[in-house]
Structure formats: C-alpha cells, structure tokens
Amino acid sequence: MPLKRLFIATELPPDVKKRLQSIQNELKKFGPDVKWVEPKNIHLTIKFLGNVEAKVSEKIGKLLEKDFSLNKSFKVTLDRIGCFPSLQAPRILWAGFEDKQNNSKKIARLLGNPLSDREFQLHATLGRFRSSYEITAFIEQIKKLNLTFKPYDFFIDNITLFESRLSAKGPAYTILHGVKFLM
C-alpha cells in the first residue's frame, strides 16, 4: 500500500504571507547559510502525521470535516521572530503567533498533539540554518526586529490536510482536504 507524508495545518491569508516574505527579505541581508521556505509554502503546522497509508488519508479528511466544520474562525497575532531550539543555537527560524483564546492549542489537543501548553508554540517556519557559521549579526538583527515588531492581527479560518513530497528542489505541498471555519 503506498504511503503519503501528511501533516495538518492552517493556510495563511495572502497578506500574512506577504508580511512574512518581507521579514525573510529583510533578514536575508544579514544572512548566514539559511535554506529559506518559499512564501507559497509557509503555513502553521498543527500536527505532523508522518507516513500514512493513502486510504487512511481519506478517512482523516472526513474526520477533519466532522470534527471542525462547525468551528468558528479565531484571531491570532503575528508578533515575533525566533529560533528553535534557541537564539544561541539556532536550527529553525520561525515567525511566532499569539492565540490569546488558546484555540490552536485546543485543536492540537483534539488532533492528539502530545505537547504540553508550555511546549506548544504556534509558528510558521521561515527558514532552516544549514550551518551556525557567522550567525552573530543575523541573531542581533532578529533581536532588533523584535524590538520594533508591529504585531499584526488576522483570523485563522481553516484546517487543512496536506501531503508533503520531498525532493532535491525542496518540499512540494498538495492540499488533500480543507475545512473552512464559520465566521
């Protein structure tokens, strides 16, 4: 049985992707060796499912429809830039989002995400560090950016099942099933 590499995420509105692309462009000026995520591929991952049998992906789509079609859209705020695991030892560059109502955490729990509230960080990956060589100026720029960061509010209005196909050119994402939330 063929396997599909799946994850559940929310698609971001075009205006948010545009802001994130601007942040990427600003940081590229200071950049160490970073593999940047293409703006069209930026999303908020809620649960990575891994390799799943193709027939199971249809069931997952139906479960999302059943469990989330009556959800209301909710406000989040793009409010910071950071790194995993830390600024001192960066591997992943991300944009952070605040969800004051904790709706994203509730959705993650419903999907079986085992992370505690403290560990769950609503974020969008902007890039991956290929090496830690010459990152000092880059990290200082992130700190400066956060000092002047203008928070941006928007609504999450969907939950989407994606398939990820990896290649030498980078990942390609295909939407397998999407559920729009109520307004």
N, C-alpha and C. Protein backbone atom coordinates (compact mmCIF):
# COMPACT_ATOMS: atom_id res chain seq x y z
N MET A 1 0.86 -1.18 0.00
CA MET A 1 0.00 0.00 0.00
C MET A 1 0.90 1.24 0.00
N PRO A 2 0.67 2.19 -0.93
CA PRO A 2 1.51 3.39 -0.97
C PRO A 2 1.29 4.28 0.26
N LEU A 3 2.38 4.95 0.65
CA LEU A 3 2.32 5.85 1.80
C LEU A 3 2.36 7.30 1.35
N LYS A 4 1.72 8.16 2.13
CA LYS A 4 1.75 9.60 1.90
C LYS A 4 2.29 10.26 3.16
N ARG A 5 3.14 11.25 2.97
CA ARG A 5 3.70 12.01 4.10
C ARG A 5 2.73 13.17 4.37
N LEU A 6 2.05 13.13 5.53
CA LEU A 6 0.94 14.06 5.78
C LEU A 6 1.18 14.94 7.01
N PHE A 7 0.56 16.12 6.96
CA PHE A 7 0.50 16.98 8.13
C PHE A 7 -0.78 17.79 8.08
N ILE A 8 -1.22 18.24 9.26
CA ILE A 8 -2.42 19.07 9.38
C ILE A 8 -1.96 20.47 9.76
N ALA A 9 -2.45 21.46 9.03
CA ALA A 9 -2.01 22.83 9.23
C ALA A 9 -3.14 23.79 8.90
N THR A 10 -2.87 25.06 9.10
CA THR A 10 -3.78 26.09 8.62
C THR A 10 -3.06 26.87 7.54
N GLU A 11 -3.78 27.17 6.49
CA GLU A 11 -3.23 28.02 5.44
C GLU A 11 -3.29 29.46 5.93
N LEU A 12 -2.30 30.23 5.54
CA LEU A 12 -2.26 31.64 5.94
C LEU A 12 -2.83 32.53 4.85
N PRO A 13 -3.50 33.62 5.24
CA PRO A 13 -4.02 34.56 4.24
C PRO A 13 -2.87 35.20 3.45
N PRO A 14 -3.14 35.61 2.21
CA PRO A 14 -2.09 36.21 1.37
C PRO A 14 -1.39 37.41 2.01
N ASP A 15 -2.12 38.25 2.74
CA ASP A 15 -1.48 39.42 3.36
C ASP A 15 -0.47 39.02 4.43
N VAL A 16 -0.74 37.93 5.15
CA VAL A 16 0.19 37.45 6.16
C VAL A 16 1.43 36.86 5.49
N LYS A 17 1.22 36.09 4.42
CA LYS A 17 2.36 35.54 3.69
C LYS A 17 3.25 36.65 3.13
N LYS A 18 2.61 37.73 2.69
CA LYS A 18 3.37 38.86 2.15
C LYS A 18 4.23 39.50 3.25
N ARG A 19 3.67 39.65 4.45
CA ARG A 19 4.44 40.20 5.57
C ARG A 19 5.61 39.29 5.92
N LEU A 20 5.35 37.99 5.92
CA LEU A 20 6.42 37.04 6.25
C LEU A 20 7.52 37.05 5.19
N GLN A 21 7.13 37.22 3.94
CA GLN A 21 8.12 37.32 2.87
C GLN A 21 8.97 38.58 3.06
N SER A 22 8.36 39.68 3.48
CA SER A 22 9.11 40.91 3.76
C SER A 22 10.13 40.70 4.88
N ILE A 23 9.71 39.96 5.90
CA ILE A 23 10.63 39.65 7.01
C ILE A 23 11.80 38.81 6.49
N GLN A 24 11.48 37.80 5.68
CA GLN A 24 12.54 36.98 5.09
C GLN A 24 13.52 37.85 4.30
N ASN A 25 12.98 38.72 3.46
CA ASN A 25 13.83 39.57 2.62
C ASN A 25 14.73 40.47 3.47
N GLU A 26 14.18 41.00 4.56
CA GLU A 26 14.98 41.84 5.45
C GLU A 26 16.11 41.03 6.09
N LEU A 27 15.79 39.83 6.54
CA LEU A 27 16.80 39.01 7.21
C LEU A 27 17.83 38.43 6.25
N LYS A 28 17.47 38.27 5.00
CA LYS A 28 18.43 37.74 4.01
C LYS A 28 19.64 38.65 3.87
N LYS A 29 19.46 39.92 4.13
CA LYS A 29 20.57 40.88 4.02
C LYS A 29 21.68 40.56 5.03
N PHE A 30 21.33 39.93 6.13
CA PHE A 30 22.28 39.64 7.20
C PHE A 30 22.64 38.17 7.23
N GLY A 31 22.12 37.45 6.25
CA GLY A 31 22.03 36.02 6.33
C GLY A 31 23.28 35.19 6.35
N PRO A 32 23.27 34.29 7.30
CA PRO A 32 24.20 33.18 7.22
C PRO A 32 23.65 32.18 6.21
N ASP A 33 24.07 30.97 6.29
CA ASP A 33 23.64 29.94 5.35
C ASP A 33 22.27 29.40 5.79
N VAL A 34 21.21 29.98 5.21
CA VAL A 34 19.83 29.60 5.56
C VAL A 34 19.12 29.10 4.31
N LYS A 35 18.41 27.98 4.44
CA LYS A 35 17.54 27.49 3.38
C LYS A 35 16.17 28.09 3.67
N TRP A 36 15.76 29.06 2.84
CA TRP A 36 14.53 29.81 3.07
C TRP A 36 13.32 29.02 2.56
N VAL A 37 12.23 29.07 3.32
CA VAL A 37 10.97 28.46 2.90
C VAL A 37 10.34 29.39 1.87
N GLU A 38 9.90 28.82 0.76
CA GLU A 38 9.21 29.64 -0.24
C GLU A 38 7.93 30.19 0.36
N PRO A 39 7.64 31.48 0.14
CA PRO A 39 6.43 32.07 0.74
C PRO A 39 5.15 31.28 0.45
N LYS A 40 5.02 30.70 -0.73
CA LYS A 40 3.81 29.93 -1.04
C LYS A 40 3.67 28.70 -0.15
N ASN A 41 4.78 28.24 0.44
CA ASN A 41 4.76 27.04 1.28
C ASN A 41 4.65 27.34 2.78
N ILE A 42 4.61 28.60 3.15
CA ILE A 42 4.55 28.94 4.58
C ILE A 42 3.14 28.67 5.11
N HIS A 43 3.08 27.97 6.24
CA HIS A 43 1.81 27.58 6.86
C HIS A 43 2.03 27.42 8.36
N LEU A 44 0.96 27.24 9.10
CA LEU A 44 1.04 26.96 10.54
C LEU A 44 0.77 25.47 10.76
N THR A 45 1.79 24.71 11.05
CA THR A 45 1.60 23.28 11.29
C THR A 45 0.99 23.08 12.67
N ILE A 46 -0.05 22.25 12.71
CA ILE A 46 -0.68 21.92 13.98
C ILE A 46 -0.30 20.50 14.40
N LYS A 47 -0.22 19.59 13.43
CA LYS A 47 0.16 18.21 13.74
C LYS A 47 0.81 17.57 12.54
N PHE A 48 2.02 17.04 12.74
CA PHE A 48 2.69 16.27 11.70
C PHE A 48 2.29 14.81 11.88
N LEU A 49 1.77 14.19 10.83
CA LEU A 49 1.29 12.82 10.91
C LEU A 49 2.31 11.79 10.44
N GLY A 50 3.24 12.22 9.60
CA GLY A 50 4.24 11.29 9.08
C GLY A 50 3.71 10.49 7.91
N ASN A 51 4.29 9.32 7.69
CA ASN A 51 3.90 8.46 6.57
C ASN A 51 2.64 7.69 6.92
N VAL A 52 1.61 7.86 6.09
CA VAL A 52 0.29 7.29 6.34
C VAL A 52 -0.16 6.59 5.06
N GLU A 53 -0.84 5.46 5.20
CA GLU A 53 -1.37 4.77 4.02
C GLU A 53 -2.35 5.69 3.29
N ALA A 54 -2.31 5.63 1.96
CA ALA A 54 -3.13 6.51 1.13
C ALA A 54 -4.61 6.41 1.48
N LYS A 55 -5.11 5.21 1.71
CA LYS A 55 -6.54 5.06 2.01
C LYS A 55 -6.92 5.70 3.34
N VAL A 56 -5.97 5.77 4.27
CA VAL A 56 -6.23 6.38 5.57
C VAL A 56 -6.36 7.90 5.44
N SER A 57 -5.67 8.49 4.45
CA SER A 57 -5.74 9.94 4.28
C SER A 57 -7.17 10.40 3.99
N GLU A 58 -7.95 9.60 3.27
CA GLU A 58 -9.36 9.95 3.01
C GLU A 58 -10.16 9.97 4.32
N LYS A 59 -9.88 9.01 5.19
CA LYS A 59 -10.57 8.95 6.48
C LYS A 59 -10.21 10.17 7.33
N ILE A 60 -8.96 10.57 7.28
CA ILE A 60 -8.52 11.74 8.05
C ILE A 60 -9.27 12.99 7.56
N GLY A 61 -9.39 13.14 6.25
CA GLY A 61 -10.14 14.27 5.69
C GLY A 61 -11.58 14.30 6.17
N LYS A 62 -12.22 13.13 6.21
CA LYS A 62 -13.60 13.05 6.69
C LYS A 62 -13.70 13.38 8.17
N LEU A 63 -12.71 12.94 8.95
CA LEU A 63 -12.69 13.26 10.38
C LEU A 63 -12.53 14.76 10.61
N LEU A 64 -11.66 15.39 9.83
CA LEU A 64 -11.50 16.84 9.95
C LEU A 64 -12.82 17.55 9.67
N GLU A 65 -13.50 17.11 8.62
CA GLU A 65 -14.80 17.71 8.26
C GLU A 65 -15.78 17.55 9.42
N LYS A 66 -15.85 16.34 9.96
CA LYS A 66 -16.79 16.05 11.05
C LYS A 66 -16.45 16.85 12.31
N ASP A 67 -15.17 16.89 12.66
CA ASP A 67 -14.77 17.50 13.93
C ASP A 67 -14.64 19.02 13.90
N PHE A 68 -14.40 19.61 12.71
CA PHE A 68 -14.05 21.02 12.68
C PHE A 68 -14.93 21.91 11.80
N SER A 69 -15.90 21.35 11.09
CA SER A 69 -16.70 22.17 10.17
C SER A 69 -17.56 23.20 10.91
N LEU A 70 -17.82 22.98 12.18
CA LEU A 70 -18.62 23.94 12.95
C LEU A 70 -17.76 24.87 13.81
N ASN A 71 -16.44 24.74 13.71
CA ASN A 71 -15.56 25.65 14.44
C ASN A 71 -15.71 27.07 13.92
N LYS A 72 -15.53 28.02 14.81
CA LYS A 72 -15.54 29.43 14.39
C LYS A 72 -14.10 29.87 14.13
N SER A 73 -13.95 30.78 13.17
CA SER A 73 -12.62 31.33 12.93
C SER A 73 -12.18 32.08 14.19
N PHE A 74 -10.88 32.19 14.37
CA PHE A 74 -10.37 32.84 15.58
C PHE A 74 -9.17 33.72 15.26
N LYS A 75 -9.03 34.74 16.10
CA LYS A 75 -7.99 35.74 15.87
C LYS A 75 -6.66 35.28 16.46
N VAL A 76 -5.59 35.49 15.69
CA VAL A 76 -4.23 35.31 16.19
C VAL A 76 -3.43 36.54 15.79
N THR A 77 -2.29 36.70 16.43
CA THR A 77 -1.44 37.86 16.17
C THR A 77 -0.04 37.41 15.82
N LEU A 78 0.42 37.81 14.65
CA LEU A 78 1.82 37.63 14.27
C LEU A 78 2.59 38.64 15.12
N ASP A 79 3.48 38.15 16.01
CA ASP A 79 4.05 39.10 16.96
C ASP A 79 5.55 38.98 17.25
N ARG A 80 6.25 38.03 16.63
CA ARG A 80 7.67 37.92 16.94
C ARG A 80 8.38 36.98 15.96
N ILE A 81 9.69 37.05 16.01
CA ILE A 81 10.55 36.16 15.24
C ILE A 81 11.44 35.44 16.25
N GLY A 82 11.68 34.17 16.03
CA GLY A 82 12.53 33.42 16.95
C GLY A 82 13.21 32.26 16.26
N CYS A 83 13.88 31.46 17.06
CA CYS A 83 14.61 30.30 16.55
C CYS A 83 14.38 29.10 17.47
N PHE A 84 14.34 27.93 16.88
CA PHE A 84 14.36 26.68 17.64
C PHE A 84 15.74 26.08 17.49
N PRO A 85 16.33 25.47 18.48
CA PRO A 85 15.79 25.39 19.83
C PRO A 85 15.96 26.69 20.62
N SER A 86 16.90 27.56 20.20
CA SER A 86 17.08 28.84 20.88
C SER A 86 17.85 29.79 19.97
N LEU A 87 17.89 31.08 20.34
CA LEU A 87 18.68 32.05 19.58
C LEU A 87 20.17 31.74 19.68
N GLN A 88 20.59 31.13 20.78
CA GLN A 88 22.00 30.82 20.96
C GLN A 88 22.45 29.62 20.11
N ALA A 89 21.52 28.74 19.80
CA ALA A 89 21.85 27.55 18.99
C ALA A 89 20.76 27.35 17.94
N PRO A 90 20.64 28.28 16.99
CA PRO A 90 19.51 28.23 16.05
C PRO A 90 19.63 27.12 15.01
N ARG A 91 18.50 26.45 14.78
CA ARG A 91 18.40 25.48 13.68
C ARG A 91 17.24 25.84 12.76
N ILE A 92 16.15 26.33 13.37
CA ILE A 92 14.94 26.71 12.63
C ILE A 92 14.63 28.17 12.93
N LEU A 93 14.39 28.96 11.89
CA LEU A 93 13.96 30.35 12.03
C LEU A 93 12.45 30.38 11.85
N TRP A 94 11.74 31.00 12.78
CA TRP A 94 10.28 30.98 12.72
C TRP A 94 9.67 32.33 13.04
N ALA A 95 8.41 32.48 12.59
CA ALA A 95 7.57 33.62 12.97
C ALA A 95 6.57 33.09 13.99
N GLY A 96 6.45 33.81 15.11
CA GLY A 96 5.57 33.37 16.18
C GLY A 96 4.23 34.08 16.16
N PHE A 97 3.22 33.37 16.61
CA PHE A 97 1.85 33.87 16.62
C PHE A 97 1.26 33.68 18.01
N GLU A 98 0.56 34.70 18.48
CA GLU A 98 -0.12 34.60 19.77
C GLU A 98 -1.60 34.32 19.53
N ASP A 99 -2.12 33.36 20.27
CA ASP A 99 -3.52 32.98 20.21
C ASP A 99 -4.06 33.11 21.64
N LYS A 100 -4.58 34.29 21.98
CA LYS A 100 -5.00 34.57 23.35
C LYS A 100 -6.12 33.65 23.83
N GLN A 101 -6.92 33.15 22.91
CA GLN A 101 -8.03 32.28 23.28
C GLN A 101 -7.61 30.81 23.37
N ASN A 102 -6.37 30.52 22.99
CA ASN A 102 -5.84 29.14 23.00
C ASN A 102 -6.59 28.19 22.09
N ASN A 103 -7.24 28.71 21.06
CA ASN A 103 -7.96 27.84 20.12
C ASN A 103 -7.03 26.87 19.41
N SER A 104 -5.85 27.33 19.02
CA SER A 104 -4.92 26.45 18.30
C SER A 104 -4.46 25.31 19.20
N LYS A 105 -4.27 25.58 20.49
CA LYS A 105 -3.88 24.51 21.43
C LYS A 105 -5.01 23.49 21.57
N LYS A 106 -6.24 23.99 21.61
CA LYS A 106 -7.39 23.09 21.72
C LYS A 106 -7.48 22.19 20.49
N ILE A 107 -7.27 22.78 19.32
CA ILE A 107 -7.30 22.00 18.08
C ILE A 107 -6.18 20.96 18.10
N ALA A 108 -4.99 21.38 18.50
CA ALA A 108 -3.85 20.46 18.56
C ALA A 108 -4.16 19.29 19.50
N ARG A 109 -4.76 19.58 20.65
CA ARG A 109 -5.11 18.51 21.58
C ARG A 109 -6.14 17.56 20.97
N LEU A 110 -7.15 18.12 20.29
CA LEU A 110 -8.16 17.27 19.65
C LEU A 110 -7.53 16.35 18.61
N LEU A 111 -6.47 16.83 17.97
CA LEU A 111 -5.78 16.03 16.95
C LEU A 111 -4.75 15.08 17.56
N GLY A 112 -4.65 15.12 18.88
CA GLY A 112 -3.74 14.20 19.54
C GLY A 112 -2.31 14.69 19.62
N ASN A 113 -2.09 16.00 19.53
CA ASN A 113 -0.74 16.53 19.68
C ASN A 113 -0.34 16.41 21.15
N PRO A 114 0.70 15.65 21.46
CA PRO A 114 1.03 15.38 22.86
C PRO A 114 1.77 16.50 23.57
N LEU A 115 2.07 17.59 22.90
CA LEU A 115 2.84 18.67 23.52
C LEU A 115 2.04 19.35 24.63
N SER A 116 2.73 19.72 25.68
CA SER A 116 2.08 20.47 26.76
C SER A 116 1.85 21.90 26.29
N ASP A 117 1.03 22.64 27.03
CA ASP A 117 0.77 24.04 26.69
C ASP A 117 2.07 24.83 26.60
N ARG A 118 3.00 24.55 27.52
CA ARG A 118 4.25 25.28 27.55
C ARG A 118 5.07 25.00 26.28
N GLU A 119 5.03 23.78 25.78
CA GLU A 119 5.82 23.41 24.61
C GLU A 119 5.16 23.80 23.29
N PHE A 120 3.84 23.92 23.28
CA PHE A 120 3.15 24.20 22.02
C PHE A 120 3.39 25.65 21.63
N GLN A 121 4.02 25.84 20.50
CA GLN A 121 4.37 27.18 20.03
C GLN A 121 3.78 27.35 18.62
N LEU A 122 2.75 28.15 18.51
CA LEU A 122 2.14 28.39 17.20
C LEU A 122 3.13 29.20 16.38
N HIS A 123 3.60 28.61 15.28
CA HIS A 123 4.65 29.26 14.49
C HIS A 123 4.58 28.83 13.04
N ALA A 124 5.25 29.62 12.22
CA ALA A 124 5.45 29.29 10.80
C ALA A 124 6.95 29.28 10.56
N THR A 125 7.45 28.20 9.99
CA THR A 125 8.88 28.11 9.69
C THR A 125 9.21 29.02 8.51
N LEU A 126 10.21 29.87 8.70
CA LEU A 126 10.67 30.78 7.64
C LEU A 126 11.94 30.28 6.97
N GLY A 127 12.74 29.52 7.70
CA GLY A 127 13.99 29.02 7.14
C GLY A 127 14.66 28.04 8.08
N ARG A 128 15.63 27.31 7.52
CA ARG A 128 16.41 26.34 8.28
C ARG A 128 17.88 26.68 8.13
N PHE A 129 18.58 26.75 9.25
CA PHE A 129 20.01 27.06 9.21
C PHE A 129 20.77 25.84 8.70
N ARG A 130 21.61 26.06 7.71
CA ARG A 130 22.45 24.97 7.19
C ARG A 130 23.72 24.83 8.03
N SER A 131 24.17 25.95 8.60
CA SER A 131 25.34 25.92 9.48
C SER A 131 25.20 27.06 10.48
N SER A 132 26.00 27.00 11.53
CA SER A 132 25.94 28.06 12.54
C SER A 132 27.10 29.04 12.36
N TYR A 133 27.76 28.96 11.23
CA TYR A 133 28.89 29.84 10.95
C TYR A 133 28.39 31.26 10.66
N GLU A 134 29.00 32.25 11.30
CA GLU A 134 28.69 33.67 11.04
C GLU A 134 27.22 34.03 11.27
N ILE A 135 26.69 33.66 12.43
CA ILE A 135 25.29 33.98 12.70
C ILE A 135 25.12 35.14 13.68
N THR A 136 26.19 35.64 14.24
CA THR A 136 26.09 36.67 15.28
C THR A 136 25.32 37.90 14.80
N ALA A 137 25.68 38.45 13.65
CA ALA A 137 24.99 39.64 13.12
C ALA A 137 23.53 39.32 12.81
N PHE A 138 23.29 38.13 12.33
CA PHE A 138 21.93 37.69 12.00
C PHE A 138 21.07 37.64 13.26
N ILE A 139 21.59 37.05 14.32
CA ILE A 139 20.85 36.95 15.58
C ILE A 139 20.60 38.34 16.17
N GLU A 140 21.58 39.23 16.07
CA GLU A 140 21.39 40.60 16.54
C GLU A 140 20.27 41.29 15.75
N GLN A 141 20.19 41.02 14.47
CA GLN A 141 19.13 41.60 13.64
C GLN A 141 17.76 41.08 14.05
N ILE A 142 17.67 39.81 14.40
CA ILE A 142 16.40 39.25 14.89
C ILE A 142 15.99 39.97 16.18
N LYS A 143 16.94 40.17 17.08
CA LYS A 143 16.63 40.87 18.34
C LYS A 143 16.14 42.29 18.07
N LYS A 144 16.80 43.00 17.15
CA LYS A 144 16.38 44.36 16.79
C LYS A 144 14.99 44.35 16.16
N LEU A 145 14.76 43.40 15.29
CA LEU A 145 13.47 43.28 14.62
C LEU A 145 12.35 43.08 15.64
N ASN A 146 12.60 42.27 16.65
CA ASN A 146 11.59 42.03 17.68
C ASN A 146 11.32 43.27 18.53
N LEU A 147 12.32 44.14 18.71
CA LEU A 147 12.12 45.36 19.48
C LEU A 147 11.18 46.33 18.78
N THR A 148 11.17 46.32 17.46
CA THR A 148 10.34 47.25 16.69
C THR A 148 9.18 46.54 15.97
N PHE A 149 8.97 45.27 16.32
CA PHE A 149 7.97 44.47 15.61
C PHE A 149 6.57 45.05 15.80
N LYS A 150 5.88 45.25 14.70
CA LYS A 150 4.49 45.72 14.76
C LYS A 150 3.57 44.51 14.66
N PRO A 151 2.90 44.14 15.77
CA PRO A 151 2.01 42.98 15.74
C PRO A 151 0.94 43.14 14.66
N TYR A 152 0.55 42.01 14.09
CA TYR A 152 -0.43 42.01 13.01
C TYR A 152 -1.50 40.97 13.31
N ASP A 153 -2.74 41.42 13.47
CA ASP A 153 -3.87 40.53 13.75
C ASP A 153 -4.50 40.02 12.47
N PHE A 154 -4.93 38.76 12.51
CA PHE A 154 -5.70 38.19 11.41
C PHE A 154 -6.48 36.99 11.95
N PHE A 155 -7.35 36.43 11.13
CA PHE A 155 -8.18 35.31 11.56
C PHE A 155 -7.74 34.02 10.88
N ILE A 156 -7.68 32.96 11.69
CA ILE A 156 -7.48 31.62 11.15
C ILE A 156 -8.87 31.08 10.86
N ASP A 157 -9.08 30.69 9.62
CA ASP A 157 -10.43 30.29 9.21
C ASP A 157 -10.46 28.91 8.55
N ASN A 158 -9.41 28.10 8.76
CA ASN A 158 -9.38 26.80 8.09
C ASN A 158 -8.49 25.82 8.83
N ILE A 159 -8.70 24.56 8.52
CA ILE A 159 -7.78 23.50 8.91
C ILE A 159 -7.65 22.62 7.67
N THR A 160 -6.43 22.24 7.36
CA THR A 160 -6.16 21.62 6.07
C THR A 160 -5.25 20.41 6.23
N LEU A 161 -5.57 19.35 5.51
CA LEU A 161 -4.72 18.16 5.44
C LEU A 161 -3.84 18.29 4.21
N PHE A 162 -2.53 18.30 4.43
CA PHE A 162 -1.56 18.44 3.35
C PHE A 162 -0.77 17.15 3.16
N GLU A 163 -0.39 16.92 1.91
CA GLU A 163 0.61 15.91 1.62
C GLU A 163 1.90 16.64 1.29
N SER A 164 3.00 16.14 1.82
CA SER A 164 4.31 16.73 1.57
C SER A 164 5.15 15.74 0.76
N ARG A 165 5.63 16.20 -0.39
CA ARG A 165 6.54 15.38 -1.20
C ARG A 165 7.90 16.06 -1.19
N LEU A 166 8.90 15.34 -0.73
CA LEU A 166 10.24 15.89 -0.63
C LEU A 166 11.03 15.58 -1.89
N SER A 167 11.81 16.58 -2.32
CA SER A 167 12.69 16.38 -3.47
C SER A 167 13.93 17.24 -3.28
N ALA A 168 14.87 17.12 -4.19
CA ALA A 168 16.10 17.92 -4.12
C ALA A 168 15.79 19.41 -4.23
N LYS A 169 14.70 19.76 -4.89
CA LYS A 169 14.30 21.17 -5.06
C LYS A 169 13.60 21.72 -3.83
N GLY A 170 13.29 20.86 -2.88
CA GLY A 170 12.56 21.27 -1.69
C GLY A 170 11.21 20.59 -1.63
N PRO A 171 10.44 20.85 -0.57
CA PRO A 171 9.14 20.19 -0.44
C PRO A 171 8.10 20.78 -1.39
N ALA A 172 7.19 19.91 -1.80
CA ALA A 172 6.02 20.34 -2.57
C ALA A 172 4.80 19.90 -1.77
N TYR A 173 3.89 20.84 -1.52
CA TYR A 173 2.72 20.54 -0.71
C TYR A 173 1.47 20.48 -1.58
N THR A 174 0.65 19.47 -1.31
CA THR A 174 -0.62 19.31 -2.00
C THR A 174 -1.73 19.28 -0.96
N ILE A 175 -2.77 20.07 -1.19
CA ILE A 175 -3.92 20.05 -0.28
C ILE A 175 -4.76 18.82 -0.62
N LEU A 176 -4.97 17.97 0.38
CA LEU A 176 -5.81 16.79 0.20
C LEU A 176 -7.24 17.04 0.66
N HIS A 177 -7.37 17.85 1.71
CA HIS A 177 -8.71 18.15 2.22
C HIS A 177 -8.65 19.43 3.06
N GLY A 178 -9.56 20.32 2.82
CA GLY A 178 -9.61 21.56 3.58
C GLY A 178 -10.97 21.77 4.19
N VAL A 179 -10.99 22.33 5.39
CA VAL A 179 -12.24 22.63 6.08
C VAL A 179 -12.22 24.12 6.43
N LYS A 180 -13.23 24.85 5.97
CA LYS A 180 -13.38 26.26 6.31
C LYS A 180 -14.15 26.37 7.61
N PHE A 181 -13.69 27.25 8.49
CA PHE A 181 -14.40 27.51 9.74
C PHE A 181 -15.53 28.50 9.49
N LEU A 182 -16.47 28.53 10.43
CA LEU A 182 -17.55 29.51 10.38
C LEU A 182 -16.98 30.87 10.75
N MET A 183 -17.57 31.93 10.22
CA MET A 183 -17.08 33.28 10.56
C MET A 183 -17.70 33.78 11.82
